């Protein structure tokens, strides 16, 4: 893998970022993650998160460790990336009401109520976050963007893997990347009961 840039997998929560991290890992890309958030019923294969990302706005000195690796950064935090580094951002998109529904289900499983907002208001706020992030990325010279539609990735994993591999330099194992989508338990069977 190239150590000249950092691969950032971003998007809104429940937009397919964990699936993208699975694909990259299967393709041979090292991931910068920790085990702070273990797999659960909402993400049986794991979240692929790195705890220090949550504090990116205040502390980004460590980010150089991610060179040559992929790291998951939720979209509102992307604008805190230090621009001395070079980034390739794979931004996951998913139908906004599907994201809202998935978030509500996950919060229910966790026994949390979430924000006291209507689905329409929450969808509006999430859309604004995603648009703000994408607009910020487009203004940066050290950040290159590839947007991937979650549903398209599920339906066309081979083609999606090819596009992602090309974007990231062409050294990933595309068959393995596509294979992890085909075998994804969220596509082939219901989630386990919590």
N, C-alpha and C. Protein backbone atom coordinates (compact mmCIF):
# COMPACT_ATOMS: atom_id res chain seq x y z
N UNK A 1 0.84 -1.19 0.00
CA UNK A 1 0.00 0.00 0.00
C UNK A 1 0.88 1.24 0.00
N UNK A 2 0.34 2.31 -0.52
CA UNK A 2 1.09 3.56 -0.56
C UNK A 2 1.13 4.18 0.82
N UNK A 3 2.31 4.66 1.21
CA UNK A 3 2.40 5.36 2.49
C UNK A 3 2.44 6.87 2.28
N UNK A 4 2.06 7.31 1.08
CA UNK A 4 2.06 8.75 0.81
C UNK A 4 0.75 9.42 1.14
N UNK A 5 -0.32 8.64 1.35
CA UNK A 5 -1.60 9.24 1.69
C UNK A 5 -2.31 8.38 2.73
N UNK A 6 -3.30 8.99 3.34
CA UNK A 6 -4.15 8.32 4.33
C UNK A 6 -5.49 8.06 3.66
N UNK A 7 -5.96 6.84 3.74
CA UNK A 7 -7.28 6.51 3.23
C UNK A 7 -8.30 6.71 4.34
N UNK A 8 -9.27 7.57 4.09
CA UNK A 8 -10.32 7.86 5.07
C UNK A 8 -11.63 7.30 4.55
N UNK A 9 -12.25 6.44 5.34
CA UNK A 9 -13.60 5.97 5.04
C UNK A 9 -14.55 6.81 5.88
N UNK A 10 -15.45 7.51 5.21
CA UNK A 10 -16.33 8.43 5.92
C UNK A 10 -17.77 8.28 5.45
N UNK A 11 -18.63 8.96 6.14
CA UNK A 11 -20.05 8.94 5.85
C UNK A 11 -20.81 9.17 7.15
N UNK A 12 -22.10 9.17 7.06
CA UNK A 12 -22.93 9.26 8.25
C UNK A 12 -22.96 7.91 8.96
N UNK A 13 -23.23 7.90 10.26
CA UNK A 13 -23.41 6.62 10.93
C UNK A 13 -24.52 5.81 10.24
N UNK A 14 -24.29 4.53 10.07
CA UNK A 14 -25.22 3.59 9.43
C UNK A 14 -25.29 3.77 7.91
N UNK A 15 -24.25 4.32 7.33
CA UNK A 15 -24.25 4.53 5.87
C UNK A 15 -23.45 3.48 5.11
N UNK A 16 -22.82 2.54 5.82
CA UNK A 16 -22.03 1.52 5.15
C UNK A 16 -20.53 1.66 5.34
N UNK A 17 -20.12 2.50 6.29
CA UNK A 17 -18.68 2.70 6.50
C UNK A 17 -18.00 1.43 7.01
N UNK A 18 -18.67 0.67 7.86
CA UNK A 18 -18.06 -0.58 8.35
C UNK A 18 -17.92 -1.60 7.23
N UNK A 19 -18.92 -1.66 6.36
CA UNK A 19 -18.82 -2.54 5.19
C UNK A 19 -17.63 -2.15 4.33
N UNK A 20 -17.43 -0.85 4.12
CA UNK A 20 -16.29 -0.40 3.31
C UNK A 20 -14.97 -0.77 3.97
N UNK A 21 -14.89 -0.65 5.28
CA UNK A 21 -13.66 -1.06 5.98
C UNK A 21 -13.43 -2.56 5.81
N UNK A 22 -14.50 -3.35 5.84
CA UNK A 22 -14.37 -4.79 5.59
C UNK A 22 -13.80 -5.05 4.20
N UNK A 23 -14.32 -4.33 3.22
CA UNK A 23 -13.85 -4.51 1.84
C UNK A 23 -12.37 -4.18 1.72
N UNK A 24 -11.97 -3.06 2.30
CA UNK A 24 -10.57 -2.64 2.20
C UNK A 24 -9.65 -3.65 2.89
N UNK A 25 -10.06 -4.11 4.06
CA UNK A 25 -9.26 -5.09 4.78
C UNK A 25 -9.13 -6.37 3.98
N UNK A 26 -10.23 -6.85 3.42
CA UNK A 26 -10.20 -8.07 2.60
C UNK A 26 -9.31 -7.89 1.38
N UNK A 27 -9.26 -6.67 0.87
CA UNK A 27 -8.44 -6.39 -0.30
C UNK A 27 -6.96 -6.26 -0.01
N UNK A 28 -6.60 -6.24 1.28
CA UNK A 28 -5.19 -6.19 1.64
C UNK A 28 -4.73 -4.88 2.21
N UNK A 29 -5.62 -3.94 2.45
CA UNK A 29 -5.21 -2.66 3.02
C UNK A 29 -5.19 -2.76 4.54
N UNK A 30 -4.09 -2.34 5.17
CA UNK A 30 -4.07 -2.31 6.63
C UNK A 30 -5.06 -1.27 7.15
N UNK A 31 -5.65 -1.56 8.30
CA UNK A 31 -6.61 -0.65 8.93
C UNK A 31 -6.05 -0.13 10.24
N UNK A 32 -6.30 1.14 10.52
CA UNK A 32 -5.97 1.69 11.84
C UNK A 32 -7.25 1.65 12.66
N UNK A 33 -7.34 0.66 13.55
CA UNK A 33 -8.52 0.45 14.38
C UNK A 33 -8.05 0.04 15.77
N UNK A 34 -9.00 -0.06 16.68
CA UNK A 34 -8.74 -0.64 17.98
C UNK A 34 -9.94 -1.50 18.35
N UNK A 35 -9.92 -2.06 19.52
CA UNK A 35 -11.02 -2.95 19.92
C UNK A 35 -11.93 -2.28 20.95
N UNK A 36 -11.91 -0.95 20.98
CA UNK A 36 -12.68 -0.23 21.99
C UNK A 36 -14.19 -0.48 21.84
N UNK A 37 -14.67 -0.54 20.59
CA UNK A 37 -16.09 -0.81 20.36
C UNK A 37 -16.22 -2.18 19.70
N UNK A 38 -16.63 -3.18 20.46
CA UNK A 38 -16.68 -4.54 19.91
C UNK A 38 -17.89 -4.75 19.00
N UNK A 39 -17.88 -5.83 18.22
CA UNK A 39 -19.05 -6.16 17.40
C UNK A 39 -20.29 -6.35 18.27
N UNK A 40 -21.46 -6.11 17.67
CA UNK A 40 -22.72 -6.35 18.36
C UNK A 40 -23.77 -6.72 17.32
N UNK A 41 -25.02 -6.76 17.75
CA UNK A 41 -26.09 -7.17 16.83
C UNK A 41 -26.26 -6.21 15.66
N UNK A 42 -25.94 -4.95 15.87
CA UNK A 42 -26.10 -3.97 14.79
C UNK A 42 -24.97 -4.05 13.78
N UNK A 43 -23.78 -4.45 14.23
CA UNK A 43 -22.62 -4.64 13.35
C UNK A 43 -21.89 -5.92 13.76
N UNK A 44 -22.41 -7.08 13.32
CA UNK A 44 -21.83 -8.36 13.76
C UNK A 44 -20.38 -8.56 13.37
N UNK A 45 -19.93 -7.88 12.33
CA UNK A 45 -18.53 -8.01 11.91
C UNK A 45 -17.64 -6.94 12.52
N UNK A 46 -18.22 -6.04 13.29
CA UNK A 46 -17.43 -5.02 13.96
C UNK A 46 -17.64 -3.64 13.37
N UNK A 47 -17.15 -2.66 14.11
CA UNK A 47 -17.31 -1.24 13.73
C UNK A 47 -16.06 -0.66 13.08
N UNK A 48 -14.91 -1.29 13.31
CA UNK A 48 -13.65 -0.86 12.68
C UNK A 48 -13.31 0.59 13.04
N UNK A 49 -13.52 0.95 14.28
CA UNK A 49 -13.28 2.33 14.72
C UNK A 49 -11.95 2.45 15.44
N UNK A 50 -11.53 3.70 15.60
CA UNK A 50 -10.31 4.04 16.33
C UNK A 50 -10.68 5.15 17.29
N UNK A 51 -10.55 4.88 18.57
CA UNK A 51 -11.09 5.76 19.61
C UNK A 51 -10.57 7.20 19.50
N UNK A 52 -9.34 7.37 19.10
CA UNK A 52 -8.75 8.72 19.06
C UNK A 52 -9.42 9.62 18.03
N UNK A 53 -10.11 9.02 17.07
CA UNK A 53 -10.81 9.81 16.06
C UNK A 53 -11.83 10.74 16.71
N UNK A 54 -12.45 10.29 17.79
CA UNK A 54 -13.48 11.10 18.45
C UNK A 54 -12.96 12.45 18.92
N UNK A 55 -11.65 12.54 19.15
CA UNK A 55 -11.04 13.76 19.66
C UNK A 55 -10.23 14.49 18.60
N UNK A 56 -10.52 14.19 17.34
CA UNK A 56 -9.75 14.74 16.23
C UNK A 56 -9.74 16.27 16.21
N UNK A 57 -10.83 16.89 16.62
CA UNK A 57 -10.91 18.36 16.62
C UNK A 57 -9.87 18.99 17.55
N UNK A 58 -9.50 18.27 18.61
CA UNK A 58 -8.55 18.82 19.59
C UNK A 58 -7.17 18.20 19.49
N UNK A 59 -7.09 16.99 18.96
CA UNK A 59 -5.81 16.29 18.89
C UNK A 59 -5.72 15.50 17.60
N UNK A 60 -4.88 15.98 16.69
CA UNK A 60 -4.69 15.28 15.42
C UNK A 60 -3.23 14.93 15.17
N UNK A 61 -2.37 15.13 16.19
CA UNK A 61 -0.94 14.89 16.02
C UNK A 61 -0.62 13.44 15.66
N UNK A 62 -1.47 12.53 16.06
CA UNK A 62 -1.25 11.10 15.85
C UNK A 62 -1.60 10.64 14.44
N UNK A 63 -2.26 11.48 13.65
CA UNK A 63 -2.84 11.02 12.40
C UNK A 63 -1.81 10.52 11.39
N UNK A 64 -0.58 10.98 11.50
CA UNK A 64 0.47 10.48 10.62
C UNK A 64 0.64 8.97 10.70
N UNK A 65 0.24 8.38 11.85
CA UNK A 65 0.30 6.92 12.01
C UNK A 65 -0.57 6.20 10.97
N UNK A 66 -1.54 6.91 10.44
CA UNK A 66 -2.50 6.28 9.52
C UNK A 66 -2.01 6.26 8.07
N UNK A 67 -0.84 6.85 7.80
CA UNK A 67 -0.33 6.83 6.42
C UNK A 67 -0.18 5.40 5.94
N UNK A 68 -0.71 5.12 4.75
CA UNK A 68 -0.65 3.77 4.19
C UNK A 68 -1.73 2.85 4.72
N UNK A 69 -2.64 3.40 5.53
CA UNK A 69 -3.71 2.60 6.13
C UNK A 69 -5.05 3.27 5.87
N UNK A 70 -6.10 2.56 6.21
CA UNK A 70 -7.44 3.13 6.15
C UNK A 70 -7.93 3.37 7.57
N UNK A 71 -8.60 4.48 7.76
CA UNK A 71 -9.17 4.83 9.05
C UNK A 71 -10.58 5.34 8.83
N UNK A 72 -11.47 5.00 9.73
CA UNK A 72 -12.87 5.42 9.62
C UNK A 72 -13.07 6.70 10.43
N UNK A 73 -13.59 7.73 9.75
CA UNK A 73 -13.84 9.01 10.40
C UNK A 73 -15.23 9.48 10.00
N UNK A 74 -16.13 9.58 10.97
CA UNK A 74 -17.50 10.00 10.69
C UNK A 74 -17.48 11.39 10.06
N UNK A 75 -18.40 11.66 9.14
CA UNK A 75 -18.27 12.84 8.28
C UNK A 75 -18.18 14.19 9.01
N UNK A 76 -18.86 14.43 10.13
CA UNK A 76 -18.69 15.76 10.76
C UNK A 76 -17.26 16.04 11.23
N UNK A 77 -16.45 15.00 11.43
CA UNK A 77 -15.09 15.20 11.91
C UNK A 77 -14.07 15.35 10.78
N UNK A 78 -14.47 15.08 9.56
CA UNK A 78 -13.52 15.13 8.44
C UNK A 78 -12.89 16.51 8.28
N UNK A 79 -13.65 17.55 8.55
CA UNK A 79 -13.12 18.92 8.38
C UNK A 79 -12.01 19.25 9.37
N UNK A 80 -11.75 18.36 10.34
CA UNK A 80 -10.67 18.57 11.30
C UNK A 80 -9.39 17.85 10.88
N UNK A 81 -9.38 17.26 9.70
CA UNK A 81 -8.15 16.61 9.22
C UNK A 81 -7.07 17.67 9.02
N UNK A 82 -5.86 17.44 9.54
CA UNK A 82 -4.77 18.39 9.31
C UNK A 82 -4.33 18.35 7.85
N UNK A 83 -4.31 19.47 7.21
CA UNK A 83 -4.11 19.52 5.76
C UNK A 83 -2.65 19.38 5.34
N UNK A 84 -1.77 19.16 6.30
CA UNK A 84 -0.38 18.84 5.95
C UNK A 84 -0.26 17.43 5.38
N UNK A 85 -1.25 16.60 5.65
CA UNK A 85 -1.27 15.23 5.12
C UNK A 85 -2.05 15.21 3.81
N UNK A 86 -1.90 14.11 3.09
CA UNK A 86 -2.66 13.88 1.85
C UNK A 86 -3.66 12.76 2.12
N UNK A 87 -4.90 12.94 1.64
CA UNK A 87 -5.98 12.00 1.93
C UNK A 87 -6.70 11.57 0.67
N UNK A 88 -7.16 10.33 0.69
CA UNK A 88 -8.14 9.86 -0.28
C UNK A 88 -9.36 9.42 0.53
N UNK A 89 -10.46 10.11 0.33
CA UNK A 89 -11.66 9.87 1.12
C UNK A 89 -12.66 9.06 0.32
N UNK A 90 -13.04 7.90 0.87
CA UNK A 90 -14.13 7.10 0.32
C UNK A 90 -15.36 7.47 1.14
N UNK A 91 -16.26 8.23 0.55
CA UNK A 91 -17.44 8.74 1.24
C UNK A 91 -18.64 7.88 0.92
N UNK A 92 -19.20 7.24 1.94
CA UNK A 92 -20.34 6.36 1.75
C UNK A 92 -21.64 7.18 1.75
N UNK A 93 -22.46 6.91 0.76
CA UNK A 93 -23.78 7.53 0.68
C UNK A 93 -24.83 6.42 0.76
N UNK A 94 -25.93 6.76 1.43
CA UNK A 94 -27.06 5.82 1.54
C UNK A 94 -28.33 6.65 1.61
N UNK A 95 -29.42 6.12 1.11
CA UNK A 95 -30.69 6.84 1.17
C UNK A 95 -30.92 7.32 2.60
N UNK A 96 -31.19 8.60 2.75
CA UNK A 96 -31.20 9.22 4.07
C UNK A 96 -32.25 8.61 4.99
N UNK A 97 -33.41 8.25 4.47
CA UNK A 97 -34.43 7.66 5.34
C UNK A 97 -34.04 6.24 5.75
N UNK A 98 -33.24 5.55 4.94
CA UNK A 98 -32.71 4.25 5.35
C UNK A 98 -31.73 4.41 6.51
N UNK A 99 -30.93 5.47 6.45
CA UNK A 99 -30.01 5.77 7.54
C UNK A 99 -30.78 6.07 8.82
N UNK A 100 -31.80 6.91 8.72
CA UNK A 100 -32.61 7.26 9.89
C UNK A 100 -33.23 6.01 10.50
N UNK A 101 -33.81 5.16 9.66
CA UNK A 101 -34.44 3.93 10.16
C UNK A 101 -33.41 3.02 10.82
N UNK A 102 -32.23 2.89 10.22
CA UNK A 102 -31.19 2.03 10.77
C UNK A 102 -30.68 2.57 12.10
N UNK A 103 -30.55 3.90 12.18
CA UNK A 103 -30.11 4.50 13.45
C UNK A 103 -31.13 4.26 14.55
N UNK A 104 -32.42 4.41 14.22
CA UNK A 104 -33.47 4.19 15.22
C UNK A 104 -33.45 2.74 15.72
N UNK A 105 -33.27 1.80 14.81
CA UNK A 105 -33.22 0.38 15.20
C UNK A 105 -32.03 0.12 16.10
N UNK A 106 -30.86 0.68 15.73
CA UNK A 106 -29.66 0.47 16.53
C UNK A 106 -29.83 1.06 17.93
N UNK A 107 -30.38 2.27 18.03
CA UNK A 107 -30.58 2.89 19.33
C UNK A 107 -31.55 2.10 20.19
N UNK A 108 -32.59 1.55 19.56
CA UNK A 108 -33.55 0.72 20.29
C UNK A 108 -32.86 -0.52 20.85
N UNK A 109 -32.01 -1.15 20.03
CA UNK A 109 -31.26 -2.32 20.49
C UNK A 109 -30.36 -1.99 21.68
N UNK A 110 -29.83 -0.76 21.66
CA UNK A 110 -28.93 -0.34 22.73
C UNK A 110 -29.68 0.20 23.94
N UNK A 111 -31.02 0.30 23.82
CA UNK A 111 -31.81 0.82 24.92
C UNK A 111 -31.69 2.32 25.08
N UNK A 112 -31.36 3.01 23.99
CA UNK A 112 -31.22 4.47 24.03
C UNK A 112 -32.35 5.11 23.25
N UNK A 113 -32.70 6.33 23.64
CA UNK A 113 -33.81 7.00 22.96
C UNK A 113 -33.34 7.83 21.78
N UNK A 114 -32.10 8.30 21.79
CA UNK A 114 -31.61 9.14 20.70
C UNK A 114 -32.18 10.53 20.78
N UNK A 115 -31.93 11.32 19.75
CA UNK A 115 -32.41 12.70 19.72
C UNK A 115 -33.93 12.73 19.63
N UNK A 116 -34.52 13.67 20.31
CA UNK A 116 -35.97 13.81 20.30
C UNK A 116 -36.39 14.63 19.08
N UNK A 117 -36.19 14.05 17.90
CA UNK A 117 -36.48 14.72 16.64
C UNK A 117 -37.37 13.83 15.79
N UNK A 118 -38.18 14.45 14.98
CA UNK A 118 -38.96 13.67 14.00
C UNK A 118 -38.00 13.08 12.97
N UNK A 119 -38.43 12.03 12.30
CA UNK A 119 -37.60 11.43 11.26
C UNK A 119 -37.25 12.45 10.19
N UNK A 120 -38.21 13.29 9.84
CA UNK A 120 -37.97 14.29 8.79
C UNK A 120 -36.91 15.30 9.22
N UNK A 121 -36.99 15.75 10.47
CA UNK A 121 -36.02 16.73 10.97
C UNK A 121 -34.63 16.10 11.08
N UNK A 122 -34.58 14.86 11.58
CA UNK A 122 -33.29 14.17 11.67
C UNK A 122 -32.69 13.96 10.29
N UNK A 123 -33.51 13.57 9.32
CA UNK A 123 -33.03 13.38 7.95
C UNK A 123 -32.46 14.68 7.40
N UNK A 124 -33.12 15.78 7.69
CA UNK A 124 -32.66 17.09 7.25
C UNK A 124 -31.28 17.43 7.83
N UNK A 125 -31.13 17.21 9.13
CA UNK A 125 -29.86 17.51 9.79
C UNK A 125 -28.74 16.63 9.27
N UNK A 126 -29.03 15.36 9.08
CA UNK A 126 -28.02 14.44 8.56
C UNK A 126 -27.61 14.80 7.14
N UNK A 127 -28.58 15.17 6.32
CA UNK A 127 -28.28 15.60 4.94
C UNK A 127 -27.38 16.82 4.94
N UNK A 128 -27.64 17.76 5.84
CA UNK A 128 -26.80 18.96 5.95
C UNK A 128 -25.37 18.60 6.34
N UNK A 129 -25.22 17.68 7.30
CA UNK A 129 -23.89 17.25 7.71
C UNK A 129 -23.11 16.65 6.54
N UNK A 130 -23.78 15.78 5.79
CA UNK A 130 -23.13 15.13 4.67
C UNK A 130 -22.75 16.14 3.59
N UNK A 131 -23.66 17.03 3.27
CA UNK A 131 -23.38 18.06 2.25
C UNK A 131 -22.25 18.98 2.68
N UNK A 132 -22.25 19.38 3.96
CA UNK A 132 -21.17 20.24 4.47
C UNK A 132 -19.82 19.55 4.33
N UNK A 133 -19.79 18.27 4.67
CA UNK A 133 -18.54 17.52 4.57
C UNK A 133 -18.06 17.43 3.13
N UNK A 134 -18.97 17.09 2.24
CA UNK A 134 -18.59 16.95 0.83
C UNK A 134 -18.12 18.28 0.26
N UNK A 135 -18.79 19.35 0.59
CA UNK A 135 -18.38 20.68 0.11
C UNK A 135 -17.02 21.07 0.65
N UNK A 136 -16.76 20.74 1.91
CA UNK A 136 -15.45 21.04 2.49
C UNK A 136 -14.37 20.27 1.75
N UNK A 137 -14.60 18.97 1.52
CA UNK A 137 -13.62 18.14 0.83
C UNK A 137 -13.29 18.72 -0.55
N UNK A 138 -14.31 19.14 -1.27
CA UNK A 138 -14.11 19.64 -2.63
C UNK A 138 -13.28 20.93 -2.67
N UNK A 139 -13.20 21.62 -1.55
CA UNK A 139 -12.40 22.87 -1.50
C UNK A 139 -10.94 22.62 -1.16
N UNK A 140 -10.59 21.39 -0.78
CA UNK A 140 -9.23 21.10 -0.33
C UNK A 140 -8.38 20.51 -1.45
N UNK A 141 -7.13 20.97 -1.53
CA UNK A 141 -6.23 20.46 -2.56
C UNK A 141 -5.54 19.16 -2.12
N UNK A 142 -5.51 18.89 -0.82
CA UNK A 142 -4.83 17.69 -0.34
C UNK A 142 -5.79 16.53 -0.08
N UNK A 143 -7.05 16.71 -0.46
CA UNK A 143 -8.07 15.68 -0.22
C UNK A 143 -8.75 15.33 -1.54
N UNK A 144 -8.72 14.04 -1.89
CA UNK A 144 -9.39 13.55 -3.09
C UNK A 144 -10.59 12.72 -2.66
N UNK A 145 -11.71 12.87 -3.37
CA UNK A 145 -12.97 12.27 -2.97
C UNK A 145 -13.46 11.22 -3.95
N UNK A 146 -13.94 10.10 -3.41
CA UNK A 146 -14.68 9.10 -4.17
C UNK A 146 -15.96 8.80 -3.38
N UNK A 147 -17.11 9.08 -3.97
CA UNK A 147 -18.39 8.78 -3.32
C UNK A 147 -18.88 7.41 -3.79
N UNK A 148 -19.29 6.59 -2.84
CA UNK A 148 -19.80 5.24 -3.12
C UNK A 148 -21.21 5.12 -2.55
N UNK A 149 -22.14 4.68 -3.37
CA UNK A 149 -23.51 4.46 -2.92
C UNK A 149 -23.61 3.08 -2.29
N UNK A 150 -24.14 3.04 -1.08
CA UNK A 150 -24.23 1.79 -0.31
C UNK A 150 -25.02 0.72 -1.07
N UNK A 151 -26.18 1.07 -1.59
CA UNK A 151 -27.01 0.10 -2.29
C UNK A 151 -26.32 -0.42 -3.55
N UNK A 152 -25.64 0.46 -4.25
CA UNK A 152 -24.89 0.05 -5.44
C UNK A 152 -23.79 -0.93 -5.07
N UNK A 153 -23.11 -0.67 -3.94
CA UNK A 153 -22.05 -1.57 -3.49
C UNK A 153 -22.61 -2.96 -3.20
N UNK A 154 -23.81 -3.01 -2.62
CA UNK A 154 -24.43 -4.31 -2.32
C UNK A 154 -24.83 -5.05 -3.59
N UNK A 155 -25.36 -4.31 -4.56
CA UNK A 155 -25.86 -4.93 -5.78
C UNK A 155 -24.75 -5.24 -6.78
N UNK A 156 -23.70 -4.43 -6.79
CA UNK A 156 -22.62 -4.57 -7.77
C UNK A 156 -21.26 -4.56 -7.07
N UNK A 157 -20.98 -5.55 -6.23
CA UNK A 157 -19.74 -5.52 -5.47
C UNK A 157 -18.48 -5.63 -6.33
N UNK A 158 -18.54 -6.37 -7.41
CA UNK A 158 -17.36 -6.53 -8.27
C UNK A 158 -16.98 -5.19 -8.90
N UNK A 159 -17.98 -4.52 -9.46
CA UNK A 159 -17.74 -3.22 -10.09
C UNK A 159 -17.31 -2.18 -9.06
N UNK A 160 -17.94 -2.23 -7.88
CA UNK A 160 -17.59 -1.29 -6.82
C UNK A 160 -16.14 -1.49 -6.37
N UNK A 161 -15.75 -2.76 -6.20
CA UNK A 161 -14.37 -3.05 -5.81
C UNK A 161 -13.38 -2.54 -6.84
N UNK A 162 -13.72 -2.67 -8.12
CA UNK A 162 -12.84 -2.20 -9.18
C UNK A 162 -12.65 -0.69 -9.11
N UNK A 163 -13.74 0.03 -8.89
CA UNK A 163 -13.66 1.50 -8.81
C UNK A 163 -12.82 1.94 -7.61
N UNK A 164 -13.06 1.31 -6.47
CA UNK A 164 -12.33 1.66 -5.26
C UNK A 164 -10.84 1.36 -5.42
N UNK A 165 -10.53 0.20 -5.97
CA UNK A 165 -9.13 -0.18 -6.18
C UNK A 165 -8.43 0.83 -7.09
N UNK A 166 -9.08 1.22 -8.15
CA UNK A 166 -8.49 2.23 -9.04
C UNK A 166 -8.23 3.54 -8.32
N UNK A 167 -9.16 3.94 -7.51
CA UNK A 167 -9.04 5.20 -6.76
C UNK A 167 -7.88 5.16 -5.77
N UNK A 168 -7.62 3.99 -5.20
CA UNK A 168 -6.61 3.86 -4.15
C UNK A 168 -5.26 3.36 -4.65
N UNK A 169 -5.09 3.28 -5.96
CA UNK A 169 -3.78 2.97 -6.49
C UNK A 169 -3.63 1.64 -7.21
N UNK A 170 -4.67 0.80 -7.18
CA UNK A 170 -4.68 -0.41 -8.00
C UNK A 170 -3.97 -1.62 -7.44
N UNK A 171 -3.71 -1.65 -6.13
CA UNK A 171 -2.97 -2.79 -5.58
C UNK A 171 -3.80 -3.66 -4.63
N UNK A 172 -5.10 -3.45 -4.61
CA UNK A 172 -5.96 -4.24 -3.73
C UNK A 172 -6.50 -5.47 -4.48
N UNK A 173 -6.86 -6.49 -3.72
CA UNK A 173 -7.40 -7.73 -4.29
C UNK A 173 -8.91 -7.55 -4.48
N UNK A 174 -9.30 -7.25 -5.69
CA UNK A 174 -10.70 -6.91 -5.97
C UNK A 174 -11.65 -8.07 -5.71
N UNK A 175 -11.26 -9.29 -6.05
CA UNK A 175 -12.14 -10.44 -5.83
C UNK A 175 -12.44 -10.62 -4.35
N UNK A 176 -11.42 -10.46 -3.52
CA UNK A 176 -11.61 -10.60 -2.07
C UNK A 176 -12.50 -9.48 -1.54
N UNK A 177 -12.31 -8.27 -2.07
CA UNK A 177 -13.15 -7.14 -1.66
C UNK A 177 -14.61 -7.42 -1.98
N UNK A 178 -14.86 -7.85 -3.20
CA UNK A 178 -16.24 -8.14 -3.61
C UNK A 178 -16.81 -9.31 -2.81
N UNK A 179 -15.97 -10.29 -2.52
CA UNK A 179 -16.41 -11.47 -1.79
C UNK A 179 -16.92 -11.15 -0.40
N UNK A 180 -16.34 -10.15 0.23
CA UNK A 180 -16.80 -9.82 1.59
C UNK A 180 -18.19 -9.18 1.56
N UNK A 181 -18.55 -8.54 0.45
CA UNK A 181 -19.90 -7.99 0.33
C UNK A 181 -20.91 -9.11 0.12
N UNK A 182 -20.59 -10.03 -0.76
CA UNK A 182 -21.48 -11.15 -1.06
C UNK A 182 -21.74 -11.97 0.19
N UNK A 183 -20.70 -12.13 1.02
CA UNK A 183 -20.82 -12.96 2.23
C UNK A 183 -21.32 -12.17 3.43
N UNK A 184 -21.61 -10.90 3.27
CA UNK A 184 -22.00 -10.06 4.40
C UNK A 184 -23.30 -10.58 5.01
N UNK A 185 -23.31 -10.86 6.32
CA UNK A 185 -24.50 -11.44 6.93
C UNK A 185 -25.71 -10.53 6.89
N UNK A 186 -25.51 -9.23 6.77
CA UNK A 186 -26.67 -8.33 6.73
C UNK A 186 -27.40 -8.45 5.41
N UNK A 187 -26.77 -9.07 4.40
CA UNK A 187 -27.45 -9.27 3.12
C UNK A 187 -28.10 -10.64 3.05
N UNK A 188 -27.46 -11.63 3.65
CA UNK A 188 -27.88 -13.00 3.40
C UNK A 188 -28.77 -13.59 4.49
N UNK A 189 -28.82 -12.96 5.65
CA UNK A 189 -29.62 -13.52 6.74
C UNK A 189 -30.02 -12.41 7.69
N UNK A 190 -31.07 -12.62 8.47
CA UNK A 190 -31.47 -11.61 9.43
C UNK A 190 -30.39 -11.46 10.51
N UNK A 191 -30.34 -10.29 11.11
CA UNK A 191 -29.38 -10.07 12.19
C UNK A 191 -29.74 -10.95 13.39
N UNK A 192 -28.76 -11.36 14.16
CA UNK A 192 -29.05 -12.15 15.36
C UNK A 192 -29.89 -11.35 16.34
N UNK A 193 -30.67 -12.06 17.13
CA UNK A 193 -31.51 -11.40 18.14
C UNK A 193 -30.63 -11.02 19.32
N UNK A 194 -30.72 -9.78 19.74
CA UNK A 194 -29.91 -9.31 20.89
C UNK A 194 -30.58 -9.70 22.19
